[in-house]
C-alpha cells in the first residue's frame, strides 16, 4: 500500500487523468468546474449513459480541451475497461438514487448500484487505476429502504476491494454524506416552487437533516482523494437544520401542511452509527471510519483520536445548528427575506 497520511494532502490531482462515473449529474458538473478552475488535471473523462445530458453539458459551457465524454453504463464491464485505460483516478458517482424508483425497480437498483460497483472495482484493478473513491450516502447507515441497502453493499464492496488489489495497485475508499443542497431532489428548490402557491408541504415537523452545499461536498471528495490510503469511509462534519426552519426561511408567510413521512424516509439522518464507533477516528473537520481489512495502528491513525465507544453522528444529536437567519443567508445571499 502507498503511504499517505490520513489527514495530510500527499497526493496531487494535478497532471492526473480523472474519470467520473455518472459525470453528467449534479456532482459531476460541479467537480469538473472546480477541477478546471483550481487544479491542473491532464484530462477529465465524463462517463455516463445519457447522451442528451452530455450534449447539454457541452452546450452549457463544459467544452474544455481537457474534457472527454464517454457514453457507457457501469453495468457494462467491458466498456468500463476501455474507459479506464490510462486513467489515474476514478470517482464513482453513478447510481440509481431515487428511493421510490429503487423500491419499484429493485432488480435495476441492484444491477446499477451493486453490480455496477463491483464492475468499477474489477475494471479499475485490471486497468491499473491508482485511486478509486465511491460516493455514498447517509441512507447506507442502518438502511430502511432498498436504495440504502444497495449503497451499504457498495460501501462494503469498495472497502473490501482493497483485498483484491495487489501491492502498489488500486486503492479503494468511500465518502459518505447526506442530502446535498443544490442537487436534484433537494428540498430547497421544492420549497421555493411551493412558495408560489402559499403552502409548503413538510413531512414531519420534527425532521432534521445535515446541510451540505454542493461545492463543499465536491471539495471534501477532492481532499479525501488526496488523503486516502484505502479502506476508509470519510465523513464530513456538517451543521444540522430542522425542516420547519428551512421552510420558514424560504417562505415565512406561507402555510405549512404536514403530510407525514414518505415510505423509506427517516426522521433523522445518521452519518456514523453506534456500531461503527469502535473503528471511527475524529479529525478537525471530518471523521474516518476504517474498514475491518486494516489494522488501525498509530501510523494509520495519523493524529486522529478515537471517538467515544457509544458515539454516533446524527442530524438530531449534532452540536452545530443552522438558524433561520443562517439558512436565509445561505440560500438567498444578499436578498432579504422578512420573517413573520
C-alpha atoms as a PDB file:
ATOM      1  CA  UNK A   1       0.000   0.000   0.000  1.00  0.00           C
ATOM      2  CA  UNK A   2       1.085   3.571  -0.673  1.00  0.00           C
ATOM      3  CA  UNK A   3       1.995   5.530   2.439  1.00  0.00           C
ATOM      4  CA  UNK A   4      -0.202   8.624   2.653  1.00  0.00           C
ATOM      5  CA  UNK A   5      -1.269  10.306   5.866  1.00  0.00           C
ATOM      6  CA  UNK A   6      -4.977  10.267   6.580  1.00  0.00           C
ATOM      7  CA  UNK A   7      -5.117  13.966   7.407  1.00  0.00           C
ATOM      8  CA  UNK A   8      -2.357  15.163   5.107  1.00  0.00           C
ATOM      9  CA  UNK A   9      -2.599  16.064   1.442  1.00  0.00           C
ATOM     10  CA  UNK A  10       0.139  13.923  -0.070  1.00  0.00           C
ATOM     11  CA  UNK A  11      -1.424  13.040  -3.420  1.00  0.00           C
ATOM     12  CA  UNK A  12      -1.975  15.673  -6.100  1.00  0.00           C
ATOM     13  CA  UNK A  13      -4.606  15.548  -8.842  1.00  0.00           C
ATOM     14  CA  UNK A  14      -2.501  17.916 -10.944  1.00  0.00           C
ATOM     15  CA  UNK A  15      -1.285  16.161 -14.067  1.00  0.00           C
ATOM     16  CA  UNK A  16      -3.590  13.177 -13.464  1.00  0.00           C
ATOM     17  CA  UNK A  17      -6.280  11.700 -15.701  1.00  0.00           C
ATOM     18  CA  UNK A  18      -9.522  11.584 -13.711  1.00  0.00           C
ATOM     19  CA  UNK A  19     -12.733   9.770 -14.673  1.00  0.00           C
ATOM     20  CA  UNK A  20     -16.139  10.378 -13.081  1.00  0.00           C
ATOM     21  CA  UNK A  21     -18.867   7.753 -13.438  1.00  0.00           C
ATOM     22  CA  UNK A  22     -22.232   9.471 -13.529  1.00  0.00           C
ATOM     23  CA  UNK A  23     -20.231  12.518 -14.554  1.00  0.00           C
ATOM     24  CA  UNK A  24     -23.138  14.348 -16.202  1.00  0.00           C
ATOM     25  CA  UNK A  25     -25.016  14.663 -12.908  1.00  0.00           C
ATOM     26  CA  UNK A  26     -25.023  17.495 -10.359  1.00  0.00           C
ATOM     27  CA  UNK A  27     -21.890  16.253  -8.587  1.00  0.00           C
ATOM     28  CA  UNK A  28     -20.001  15.607 -11.819  1.00  0.00           C
ATOM     29  CA  UNK A  29     -20.597  19.076 -13.219  1.00  0.00           C
ATOM     30  CA  UNK A  30     -19.525  20.832 -10.018  1.00  0.00           C
ATOM     31  CA  UNK A  31     -16.486  18.558  -9.725  1.00  0.00           C
ATOM     32  CA  UNK A  32     -15.406  19.430 -13.272  1.00  0.00           C
ATOM     33  CA  UNK A  33     -15.964  23.156 -12.666  1.00  0.00           C
ATOM     34  CA  UNK A  34     -13.740  23.131  -9.576  1.00  0.00           C
ATOM     35  CA  UNK A  35     -11.075  20.896 -11.126  1.00  0.00           C
ATOM     36  CA  UNK A  36     -10.722  23.128 -14.189  1.00  0.00           C
ATOM     37  CA  UNK A  37     -10.721  26.308 -12.071  1.00  0.00           C
ATOM     38  CA  UNK A  38      -8.431  25.347  -9.187  1.00  0.00           C
ATOM     39  CA  UNK A  39      -6.401  22.356 -10.393  1.00  0.00           C
ATOM     40  CA  UNK A  40      -4.434  21.292 -13.449  1.00  0.00           C
ATOM     41  CA  UNK A  41      -5.521  17.746 -14.403  1.00  0.00           C
ATOM     42  CA  UNK A  42      -4.182  16.140 -17.578  1.00  0.00           C
ATOM     43  CA  UNK A  43      -7.687  15.067 -18.575  1.00  0.00           C
ATOM     44  CA  UNK A  44     -11.186  14.648 -17.111  1.00  0.00           C
ATOM     45  CA  UNK A  45     -13.434  11.931 -18.524  1.00  0.00           C
ATOM     46  CA  UNK A  46     -17.213  12.131 -18.123  1.00  0.00           C
ATOM     47  CA  UNK A  47     -18.578   8.578 -18.111  1.00  0.00           C
ATOM     48  CA  UNK A  48     -22.371   8.358 -18.190  1.00  0.00           C
ATOM     49  CA  UNK A  49     -25.161   6.670 -20.093  1.00  0.00           C
ATOM     50  CA  UNK A  50     -27.251   9.720 -21.045  1.00  0.00           C
ATOM     51  CA  UNK A  51     -26.130  11.205 -24.360  1.00  0.00           C
ATOM     52  CA  UNK A  52     -28.599  14.093 -24.024  1.00  0.00           C
ATOM     53  CA  UNK A  53     -27.128  15.210 -20.685  1.00  0.00           C
ATOM     54  CA  UNK A  54     -23.632  15.067 -22.172  1.00  0.00           C
ATOM     55  CA  UNK A  55     -24.838  17.136 -25.129  1.00  0.00           C
ATOM     56  CA  UNK A  56     -26.416  19.672 -22.767  1.00  0.00           C
ATOM     57  CA  UNK A  57     -23.179  19.846 -20.764  1.00  0.00           C
ATOM     58  CA  UNK A  58     -21.205  20.719 -23.881  1.00  0.00           C
ATOM     59  CA  UNK A  59     -23.758  23.384 -24.837  1.00  0.00           C
ATOM     60  CA  UNK A  60     -23.747  24.719 -21.276  1.00  0.00           C
ATOM     61  CA  UNK A  61     -20.047  25.576 -21.255  1.00  0.00           C
ATOM     62  CA  UNK A  62     -18.445  22.225 -20.437  1.00  0.00           C
ATOM     63  CA  UNK A  63     -16.459  22.087 -23.663  1.00  0.00           C
ATOM     64  CA  UNK A  64     -12.910  22.391 -22.388  1.00  0.00           C
ATOM     65  CA  UNK A  65      -9.933  20.877 -24.285  1.00  0.00           C
ATOM     66  CA  UNK A  66      -9.183  18.673 -21.249  1.00  0.00           C
ATOM     67  CA  UNK A  67     -12.696  17.190 -21.172  1.00  0.00           C
ATOM     68  CA  UNK A  68     -13.621  13.859 -22.770  1.00  0.00           C
ATOM     69  CA  UNK A  69     -17.086  12.313 -22.969  1.00  0.00           C
ATOM     70  CA  UNK A  70     -17.726   8.568 -22.827  1.00  0.00           C
ATOM     71  CA  UNK A  71     -21.154   7.039 -23.313  1.00  0.00           C
ATOM     72  CA  UNK A  72     -21.312   3.945 -21.136  1.00  0.00           C
ATOM     73  CA  UNK A  73     -23.040   2.155 -18.277  1.00  0.00           C
ATOM     74  CA  UNK A  74     -21.368   0.868 -15.124  1.00  0.00           C
ATOM     75  CA  UNK A  75     -23.285  -2.360 -15.743  1.00  0.00           C
ATOM     76  CA  UNK A  76     -21.033  -2.935 -18.769  1.00  0.00           C
ATOM     77  CA  UNK A  77     -17.685  -4.264 -17.537  1.00  0.00           C
ATOM     78  CA  UNK A  78     -16.046  -4.250 -20.980  1.00  0.00           C
ATOM     79  CA  UNK A  79     -16.949  -0.617 -21.569  1.00  0.00           C
ATOM     80  CA  UNK A  80     -15.507   0.320 -18.173  1.00  0.00           C
ATOM     81  CA  UNK A  81     -12.263  -1.475 -19.025  1.00  0.00           C
ATOM     82  CA  UNK A  82     -11.951   0.534 -22.227  1.00  0.00           C
ATOM     83  CA  UNK A  83     -12.831   3.809 -20.489  1.00  0.00           C
ATOM     84  CA  UNK A  84     -10.325   3.215 -17.649  1.00  0.00           C
ATOM     85  CA  UNK A  85      -7.323   2.837 -19.966  1.00  0.00           C
ATOM     86  CA  UNK A  86      -4.684   5.371 -18.885  1.00  0.00           C
ATOM     87  CA  UNK A  87      -6.847   6.678 -16.007  1.00  0.00           C
ATOM     88  CA  UNK A  88      -5.176   7.509 -12.669  1.00  0.00           C
ATOM     89  CA  UNK A  89      -8.208   8.308 -10.504  1.00  0.00           C
ATOM     90  CA  UNK A  90     -11.852   7.187 -10.675  1.00  0.00           C
ATOM     91  CA  UNK A  91     -14.671   8.836  -8.749  1.00  0.00           C
ATOM     92  CA  UNK A  92     -17.678   6.525  -8.720  1.00  0.00           C
ATOM     93  CA  UNK A  93     -20.786   8.725  -8.550  1.00  0.00           C
ATOM     94  CA  UNK A  94     -23.114   6.752 -10.851  1.00  0.00           C
ATOM     95  CA  UNK A  95     -26.165   5.335  -9.060  1.00  0.00           C
ATOM     96  CA  UNK A  96     -29.904   4.957  -9.136  1.00  0.00           C
ATOM     97  CA  UNK A  97     -30.711   7.227  -6.189  1.00  0.00           C
ATOM     98  CA  UNK A  98     -34.448   7.953  -6.182  1.00  0.00           C
ATOM     99  CA  UNK A  99     -35.861   5.953  -3.258  1.00  0.00           C
ATOM    100  CA  UNK A 100     -39.338   5.254  -4.768  1.00  0.00           C
ATOM    101  CA  UNK A 101     -37.840   4.250  -8.130  1.00  0.00           C
ATOM    102  CA  UNK A 102     -35.466   1.804  -6.423  1.00  0.00           C
ATOM    103  CA  UNK A 103     -38.340   0.317  -4.416  1.00  0.00           C
ATOM    104  CA  UNK A 104     -40.419  -0.208  -7.563  1.00  0.00           C
ATOM    105  CA  UNK A 105     -37.486  -1.418  -9.694  1.00  0.00           C
ATOM    106  CA  UNK A 106     -35.359  -3.432  -7.248  1.00  0.00           C
ATOM    107  CA  UNK A 107     -33.590  -5.557  -9.886  1.00  0.00           C
ATOM    108  CA  UNK A 108     -32.482  -2.392 -11.708  1.00  0.00           C
ATOM    109  CA  UNK A 109     -31.229  -0.806  -8.468  1.00  0.00           C
ATOM    110  CA  UNK A 110     -29.128  -3.897  -7.706  1.00  0.00           C
ATOM    111  CA  UNK A 111     -27.725  -4.030 -11.261  1.00  0.00           C
ATOM    112  CA  UNK A 112     -26.553  -0.403 -11.170  1.00  0.00           C
ATOM    113  CA  UNK A 113     -25.686   0.215  -7.522  1.00  0.00           C
ATOM    114  CA  UNK A 114     -24.273  -3.197  -6.569  1.00  0.00           C
ATOM    115  CA  UNK A 115     -23.165  -4.998  -9.741  1.00  0.00           C
ATOM    116  CA  UNK A 116     -22.104  -1.654 -11.234  1.00  0.00           C
ATOM    117  CA  UNK A 117     -19.879  -1.011  -8.199  1.00  0.00           C
ATOM    118  CA  UNK A 118     -18.378  -4.479  -8.494  1.00  0.00           C
ATOM    119  CA  UNK A 119     -17.659  -3.781 -12.173  1.00  0.00           C
ATOM    120  CA  UNK A 120     -15.946  -0.476 -11.335  1.00  0.00           C
ATOM    121  CA  UNK A 121     -13.719  -2.224  -8.770  1.00  0.00           C
ATOM    122  CA  UNK A 122     -12.769  -5.063 -11.107  1.00  0.00           C
ATOM    123  CA  UNK A 123     -12.129  -2.811 -14.106  1.00  0.00           C
ATOM    124  CA  UNK A 124     -10.025  -0.414 -12.004  1.00  0.00           C
ATOM    125  CA  UNK A 125      -7.800  -3.253 -10.778  1.00  0.00           C
ATOM    126  CA  UNK A 126      -7.434  -4.716 -14.285  1.00  0.00           C
ATOM    127  CA  UNK A 127      -6.778  -1.341 -15.947  1.00  0.00           C
ATOM    128  CA  UNK A 128      -4.156  -0.203 -13.418  1.00  0.00           C
ATOM    129  CA  UNK A 129      -6.104   2.720 -11.929  1.00  0.00           C
ATOM    130  CA  UNK A 130      -4.369   4.012  -8.777  1.00  0.00           C
ATOM    131  CA  UNK A 131      -7.190   5.517  -6.691  1.00  0.00           C
ATOM    132  CA  UNK A 132     -10.933   4.875  -6.694  1.00  0.00           C
ATOM    133  CA  UNK A 133     -13.341   6.783  -4.455  1.00  0.00           C
ATOM    134  CA  UNK A 134     -17.048   5.942  -4.238  1.00  0.00           C
ATOM    135  CA  UNK A 135     -19.735   8.479  -3.297  1.00  0.00           C
ATOM    136  CA  UNK A 136     -22.021   7.004  -0.642  1.00  0.00           C
ATOM    137  CA  UNK A 137     -24.929   8.300   1.407  1.00  0.00           C
ATOM    138  CA  UNK A 138     -26.317   8.515   4.926  1.00  0.00           C
ATOM    139  CA  UNK A 139     -29.016   6.098   3.726  1.00  0.00           C
ATOM    140  CA  UNK A 140     -26.373   3.333   3.743  1.00  0.00           C
ATOM    141  CA  UNK A 141     -26.337   3.557   7.572  1.00  0.00           C
ATOM    142  CA  UNK A 142     -28.889   1.181   9.128  1.00  0.00           C
ATOM    143  CA  UNK A 143     -30.837   1.157   5.837  1.00  0.00           C
ATOM    144  CA  UNK A 144     -34.630   1.042   5.840  1.00  0.00           C
ATOM    145  CA  UNK A 145     -35.106   1.087   2.060  1.00  0.00           C
ATOM    146  CA  UNK A 146     -33.623  -0.741  -0.915  1.00  0.00           C
ATOM    147  CA  UNK A 147     -31.590   2.256  -2.076  1.00  0.00           C
ATOM    148  CA  UNK A 148     -29.845   2.382   1.303  1.00  0.00           C
ATOM    149  CA  UNK A 149     -29.287  -1.385   1.253  1.00  0.00           C
ATOM    150  CA  UNK A 150     -27.639  -1.214  -2.190  1.00  0.00           C
ATOM    151  CA  UNK A 151     -25.390   1.657  -1.086  1.00  0.00           C
ATOM    152  CA  UNK A 152     -24.415  -0.206   2.097  1.00  0.00           C
ATOM    153  CA  UNK A 153     -23.461  -3.162  -0.102  1.00  0.00           C
ATOM    154  CA  UNK A 154     -21.494  -0.875  -2.430  1.00  0.00           C
ATOM    155  CA  UNK A 155     -19.580   0.553   0.567  1.00  0.00           C
ATOM    156  CA  UNK A 156     -18.642  -2.946   1.715  1.00  0.00           C
ATOM    157  CA  UNK A 157     -17.554  -3.894  -1.798  1.00  0.00           C
ATOM    158  CA  UNK A 158     -15.291  -0.845  -2.036  1.00  0.00           C
ATOM    159  CA  UNK A 159     -13.662  -1.323   1.359  1.00  0.00           C
ATOM    160  CA  UNK A 160     -13.066  -4.994   0.674  1.00  0.00           C
ATOM    161  CA  UNK A 161     -11.905  -4.232  -2.871  1.00  0.00           C
ATOM    162  CA  UNK A 162      -8.525  -3.417  -1.338  1.00  0.00           C
ATOM    163  CA  UNK A 163      -8.082  -7.134  -0.581  1.00  0.00           C
ATOM    164  CA  UNK A 164      -8.363  -7.939  -4.298  1.00  0.00           C
ATOM    165  CA  UNK A 165      -5.798  -5.342  -5.383  1.00  0.00           C
ATOM    166  CA  UNK A 166      -2.102  -6.193  -5.455  1.00  0.00           C
ATOM    167  CA  UNK A 167       0.560  -4.184  -3.606  1.00  0.00           C
ATOM    168  CA  UNK A 168       1.066  -0.871  -5.371  1.00  0.00           C
ATOM    169  CA  UNK A 169      -2.193  -1.329  -7.278  1.00  0.00           C
ATOM    170  CA  UNK A 170      -5.581   0.323  -6.951  1.00  0.00           C
ATOM    171  CA  UNK A 171      -6.746   1.528  -3.532  1.00  0.00           C
ATOM    172  CA  UNK A 172     -10.442   1.970  -2.720  1.00  0.00           C
ATOM    173  CA  UNK A 173     -12.272   4.241  -0.259  1.00  0.00           C
ATOM    174  CA  UNK A 174     -15.669   5.934   0.161  1.00  0.00           C
ATOM    175  CA  UNK A 175     -17.061   9.340   1.038  1.00  0.00           C
ATOM    176  CA  UNK A 176     -20.366   9.296   2.921  1.00  0.00           C
ATOM    177  CA  UNK A 177     -22.575  12.357   3.227  1.00  0.00           C
ATOM    178  CA  UNK A 178     -26.263  13.266   3.254  1.00  0.00           C
ATOM    179  CA  UNK A 179     -28.560  15.402   1.162  1.00  0.00           C
ATOM    180  CA  UNK A 180     -26.729  17.974  -0.928  1.00  0.00           C
ATOM    181  CA  UNK A 181     -28.117  21.489  -1.289  1.00  0.00           C
ATOM    182  CA  UNK A 182     -28.208  22.225  -4.995  1.00  0.00           C
ATOM    183  CA  UNK A 183     -28.604  18.632  -6.177  1.00  0.00           C
ATOM    184  CA  UNK A 184     -31.624  17.186  -7.942  1.00  0.00           C
ATOM    185  CA  UNK A 185     -34.326  16.280  -5.445  1.00  0.00           C
ATOM    186  CA  UNK A 186     -33.100  18.580  -2.659  1.00  0.00           C
ATOM    187  CA  UNK A 187     -35.799  20.243  -0.581  1.00  0.00           C
ATOM    188  CA  UNK A 188     -34.802  23.895  -1.235  1.00  0.00           C
ATOM    189  CA  UNK A 189     -35.973  24.093  -4.891  1.00  0.00           C
ATOM    190  CA  UNK A 190     -39.126  22.156  -3.924  1.00  0.00           C
ATOM    191  CA  UNK A 191     -39.982  24.667  -1.180  1.00  0.00           C
ATOM    192  CA  UNK A 192     -39.145  27.600  -3.478  1.00  0.00           C
ATOM    193  CA  UNK A 193     -41.566  26.264  -6.075  1.00  0.00           C
ATOM    194  CA  UNK A 194     -44.268  25.552  -3.493  1.00  0.00           C
ATOM    195  CA  UNK A 195     -43.846  29.069  -2.040  1.00  0.00           C
ATOM    196  CA  UNK A 196     -45.563  30.441  -5.167  1.00  0.00           C
ATOM    197  CA  UNK A 197     -48.757  28.640  -4.080  1.00  0.00           C
ATOM    198  CA  UNK A 198     -48.611  29.921  -0.499  1.00  0.00           C
ATOM    199  CA  UNK A 199     -48.463  26.415   1.012  1.00  0.00           C
ATOM    200  CA  UNK A 200     -45.381  24.305   1.795  1.00  0.00           C
ATOM    201  CA  UNK A 201     -45.600  20.574   2.471  1.00  0.00           C
ATOM    202  CA  UNK A 202     -43.473  19.230   5.325  1.00  0.00           C
ATOM    203  CA  UNK A 203     -43.430  15.502   6.023  1.00  0.00           C
ATOM    204  CA  UNK A 204     -42.785  15.767   9.773  1.00  0.00           C
ATOM    205  CA  UNK A 205     -42.162  18.900  11.863  1.00  0.00           C
ATOM    206  CA  UNK A 206     -39.545  17.034  13.950  1.00  0.00           C
ATOM    207  CA  UNK A 207     -37.449  16.062  10.912  1.00  0.00           C
ATOM    208  CA  UNK A 208     -33.785  17.103  10.867  1.00  0.00           C
ATOM    209  CA  UNK A 209     -31.132  16.962   8.169  1.00  0.00           C
ATOM    210  CA  UNK A 210     -27.462  17.820   7.653  1.00  0.00           C
ATOM    211  CA  UNK A 211     -26.636  20.821   5.427  1.00  0.00           C
ATOM    212  CA  UNK A 212     -24.062  20.327   2.676  1.00  0.00           C
ATOM    213  CA  UNK A 213     -23.673  22.763  -0.247  1.00  0.00           C
ATOM    214  CA  UNK A 214     -22.604  21.038  -3.473  1.00  0.00           C
ATOM    215  CA  UNK A 215     -19.286  22.924  -3.684  1.00  0.00           C
ATOM    216  CA  UNK A 216     -18.342  21.878  -0.145  1.00  0.00           C
ATOM    217  CA  UNK A 217     -19.247  18.271  -0.985  1.00  0.00           C
ATOM    218  CA  UNK A 218     -17.048  18.276  -4.079  1.00  0.00           C
ATOM    219  CA  UNK A 219     -14.084  19.834  -2.260  1.00  0.00           C
ATOM    220  CA  UNK A 220     -14.430  17.252   0.506  1.00  0.00           C
ATOM    221  CA  UNK A 221     -14.284  14.496  -2.131  1.00  0.00           C
ATOM    222  CA  UNK A 222     -11.146  16.023  -3.665  1.00  0.00           C
ATOM    223  CA  UNK A 223      -9.453  16.285  -0.260  1.00  0.00           C
ATOM    224  CA  UNK A 224     -10.447  12.689   0.504  1.00  0.00           C
ATOM    225  CA  UNK A 225      -8.748  11.525  -2.707  1.00  0.00           C
ATOM    226  CA  UNK A 226      -5.630  13.408  -1.638  1.00  0.00           C
ATOM    227  CA  UNK A 227      -5.504  11.816   1.824  1.00  0.00           C
ATOM    228  CA  UNK A 228      -6.951   8.322   1.207  1.00  0.00           C
ATOM    229  CA  UNK A 229      -4.865   5.218   1.842  1.00  0.00           C
ATOM    230  CA  UNK A 230      -7.559   2.672   1.041  1.00  0.00           C
ATOM    231  CA  UNK A 231     -10.248   1.113   3.204  1.00  0.00           C
ATOM    232  CA  UNK A 232     -11.683   4.317   4.744  1.00  0.00           C
ATOM    233  CA  UNK A 233     -15.093   5.919   4.785  1.00  0.00           C
ATOM    234  CA  UNK A 234     -14.663   9.705   5.007  1.00  0.00           C
ATOM    235  CA  UNK A 235     -17.483  11.624   6.730  1.00  0.00           C
ATOM    236  CA  UNK A 236     -17.521  15.459   6.818  1.00  0.00           C
ATOM    237  CA  UNK A 237     -18.575  17.417   9.910  1.00  0.00           C
ATOM    238  CA  UNK A 238     -21.687  19.360   8.930  1.00  0.00           C
ATOM    239  CA  UNK A 239     -24.254  21.644  10.568  1.00  0.00           C
ATOM    240  CA  UNK A 240     -27.806  20.373  11.137  1.00  0.00           C
ATOM    241  CA  UNK A 241     -31.131  22.023  10.386  1.00  0.00           C
ATOM    242  CA  UNK A 242     -34.755  21.459  11.247  1.00  0.00           C
ATOM    243  CA  UNK A 243     -37.026  21.058   8.211  1.00  0.00           C
ATOM    244  CA  UNK A 244     -39.532  23.550   9.647  1.00  0.00           C
ATOM    245  CA  UNK A 245     -36.773  26.166   9.923  1.00  0.00           C
ATOM    246  CA  UNK A 246     -35.820  25.794   6.270  1.00  0.00           C
ATOM    247  CA  UNK A 247     -39.494  26.130   5.288  1.00  0.00           C
ATOM    248  CA  UNK A 248     -39.811  29.325   7.351  1.00  0.00           C
ATOM    249  CA  UNK A 249     -36.521  30.630   5.956  1.00  0.00           C
ATOM    250  CA  UNK A 250     -37.730  30.263   2.373  1.00  0.00           C
ATOM    251  CA  UNK A 251     -41.364  31.323   2.775  1.00  0.00           C
ATOM    252  CA  UNK A 252     -42.042  32.943   6.175  1.00  0.00           C
ATOM    253  CA  UNK A 253     -45.640  33.862   5.268  1.00  0.00           C
ATOM    254  CA  UNK A 254     -46.612  30.501   3.768  1.00  0.00           C
ATOM    255  CA  UNK A 255     -48.873  27.965   5.399  1.00  0.00           C
ATOM    256  CA  UNK A 256     -47.234  24.688   6.446  1.00  0.00           C
ATOM    257  CA  UNK A 257     -49.073  21.457   5.653  1.00  0.00           C
ATOM    258  CA  UNK A 258     -47.830  18.340   7.485  1.00  0.00           C
ATOM    259  CA  UNK A 259     -48.215  15.361   5.139  1.00  0.00           C
ATOM    260  CA  UNK A 260     -46.422  12.550   7.020  1.00  0.00           C
ATOM    261  CA  UNK A 261     -43.176  10.745   6.284  1.00  0.00           C
ATOM    262  CA  UNK A 262     -42.845   9.045   2.922  1.00  0.00           C
ATOM    263  CA  UNK A 263     -42.049   5.311   2.632  1.00  0.00           C
ATOM    264  CA  UNK A 264     -38.353   4.695   3.307  1.00  0.00           C
ATOM    265  CA  UNK A 265     -37.808   8.150   4.821  1.00  0.00           C
ATOM    266  CA  UNK A 266     -36.062   8.569   8.178  1.00  0.00           C
ATOM    267  CA  UNK A 267     -36.876  11.210  10.765  1.00  0.00           C
ATOM    268  CA  UNK A 268     -33.162  11.986  11.244  1.00  0.00           C
ATOM    269  CA  UNK A 269     -30.015  11.316   9.227  1.00  0.00           C
ATOM    270  CA  UNK A 270     -27.156   9.190  10.569  1.00  0.00           C
ATOM    271  CA  UNK A 271     -23.641   9.529   9.170  1.00  0.00           C
ATOM    272  CA  UNK A 272     -21.820   7.447  11.785  1.00  0.00           C
ATOM    273  CA  UNK A 273     -23.756   4.784  13.708  1.00  0.00           C
ATOM    274  CA  UNK A 274     -23.050   3.422  17.186  1.00  0.00           C
ATOM    275  CA  UNK A 275     -21.774   0.111  15.849  1.00  0.00           C
ATOM    276  CA  UNK A 276     -19.190   1.986  13.739  1.00  0.00           C
ATOM    277  CA  UNK A 277     -17.832   3.938  16.732  1.00  0.00           C
ATOM    278  CA  UNK A 278     -15.076   1.423  17.668  1.00  0.00           C
ATOM    279  CA  UNK A 279     -13.379   1.932  14.286  1.00  0.00           C
ATOM    280  CA  UNK A 280     -14.060   5.679  13.907  1.00  0.00           C
ATOM    281  CA  UNK A 281     -11.401   8.379  14.282  1.00  0.00           C
ATOM    282  CA  UNK A 282     -12.099  12.098  14.664  1.00  0.00           C
ATOM    283  CA  UNK A 283     -10.117  14.893  12.991  1.00  0.00           C
ATOM    284  CA  UNK A 284     -10.688  18.659  12.974  1.00  0.00           C
ATOM    285  CA  UNK A 285     -13.398  18.784  10.301  1.00  0.00           C
ATOM    286  CA  UNK A 286     -14.189  15.162   9.453  1.00  0.00           C
ATOM    287  CA  UNK A 287     -14.370  11.582  10.701  1.00  0.00           C
ATOM    288  CA  UNK A 288     -12.811   8.458   9.211  1.00  0.00           C
ATOM    289  CA  UNK A 289     -14.449   5.055   9.637  1.00  0.00           C
ATOM    290  CA  UNK A 290     -11.867   2.352   8.981  1.00  0.00           C
ATOM    291  CA  UNK A 291     -12.745  -0.937   7.347  1.00  0.00           C
ATOM    292  CA  UNK A 292     -12.007  -4.221   9.096  1.00  0.00           C
ATOM    293  CA  UNK A 293      -9.438  -5.148   6.437  1.00  0.00           C
ATOM    294  CA  UNK A 294      -6.756  -2.898   8.003  1.00  0.00           C
ATOM    295  CA  UNK A 295      -5.119  -2.923  11.423  1.00  0.00           C
ATOM    296  CA  UNK A 296      -5.637   0.521  12.976  1.00  0.00           C
ATOM    297  CA  UNK A 297      -2.061   1.242  14.118  1.00  0.00           C
ATOM    298  CA  UNK A 298      -0.550   4.597  15.123  1.00  0.00           C
ATOM    299  CA  UNK A 299       0.778   5.241  11.631  1.00  0.00           C
ATOM    300  CA  UNK A 300      -2.659   4.793  10.117  1.00  0.00           C
ATOM    301  CA  UNK A 301      -4.330   6.912  12.817  1.00  0.00           C
ATOM    302  CA  UNK A 302      -2.051   9.810  11.846  1.00  0.00           C
ATOM    303  CA  UNK A 303      -3.224  12.214  14.543  1.00  0.00           C
ATOM    304  CA  UNK A 304      -6.826  11.075  14.692  1.00  0.00           C
ATOM    305  CA  UNK A 305      -8.432  10.381  18.057  1.00  0.00           C
ATOM    306  CA  UNK A 306     -10.858   7.590  18.863  1.00  0.00           C
ATOM    307  CA  UNK A 307     -14.465   8.651  19.389  1.00  0.00           C
ATOM    308  CA  UNK A 308     -16.361   7.506  22.479  1.00  0.00           C
ATOM    309  CA  UNK A 309     -17.459   3.858  22.365  1.00  0.00           C
ATOM    310  CA  UNK A 310     -21.141   4.944  22.352  1.00  0.00           C
ATOM    311  CA  UNK A 311     -20.593   7.735  19.827  1.00  0.00           C
ATOM    312  CA  UNK A 312     -22.982   8.321  16.932  1.00  0.00           C
ATOM    313  CA  UNK A 313     -23.195  11.220  14.498  1.00  0.00           C
ATOM    314  CA  UNK A 314     -26.816  12.051  13.743  1.00  0.00           C
ATOM    315  CA  UNK A 315     -28.568  15.159  12.499  1.00  0.00           C
ATOM    316  CA  UNK A 316     -30.531  15.396  15.764  1.00  0.00           C
ATOM    317  CA  UNK A 317     -27.570  14.966  18.181  1.00  0.00           C
ATOM    318  CA  UNK A 318     -25.301  17.453  16.416  1.00  0.00           C
ATOM    319  CA  UNK A 319     -23.570  20.310  18.246  1.00  0.00           C
ATOM    320  CA  UNK A 320     -23.793  22.735  15.296  1.00  0.00           C
ATOM    321  CA  UNK A 321     -27.178  24.012  14.058  1.00  0.00           C
ATOM    322  CA  UNK A 322     -28.287  26.493  11.407  1.00  0.00           C
ATOM    323  CA  UNK A 323     -30.807  29.138  12.476  1.00  0.00           C
ATOM    324  CA  UNK A 324     -33.455  30.654  10.181  1.00  0.00           C
ATOM    325  CA  UNK A 325     -31.242  33.748   9.502  1.00  0.00           C
ATOM    326  CA  UNK A 326     -28.289  31.409   8.801  1.00  0.00           C
ATOM    327  CA  UNK A 327     -30.381  29.469   6.279  1.00  0.00           C
ATOM    328  CA  UNK A 328     -31.665  32.641   4.608  1.00  0.00           C
ATOM    329  CA  UNK A 329     -28.126  33.898   4.152  1.00  0.00           C
ATOM    330  CA  UNK A 330     -27.002  30.547   2.701  1.00  0.00           C
ATOM    331  CA  UNK A 331     -29.983  30.259   0.329  1.00  0.00           C
ATOM    332  CA  UNK A 332     -30.565  33.876  -0.699  1.00  0.00           C
ATOM    333  CA  UNK A 333     -27.249  35.603  -0.023  1.00  0.00           C
ATOM    334  CA  UNK A 334     -27.808  39.362  -0.007  1.00  0.00           C
ATOM    335  CA  UNK A 335     -31.512  39.067  -0.877  1.00  0.00           C
ATOM    336  CA  UNK A 336     -33.531  39.906   2.197  1.00  0.00           C
ATOM    337  CA  UNK A 337     -36.490  37.807   3.341  1.00  0.00           C
ATOM    338  CA  UNK A 338     -38.712  39.172   6.069  1.00  0.00           C
ATOM    339  CA  UNK A 339     -39.549  36.659   8.794  1.00  0.00           C
ATOM    340  CA  UNK A 340     -43.069  36.968  10.118  1.00  0.00           C
END
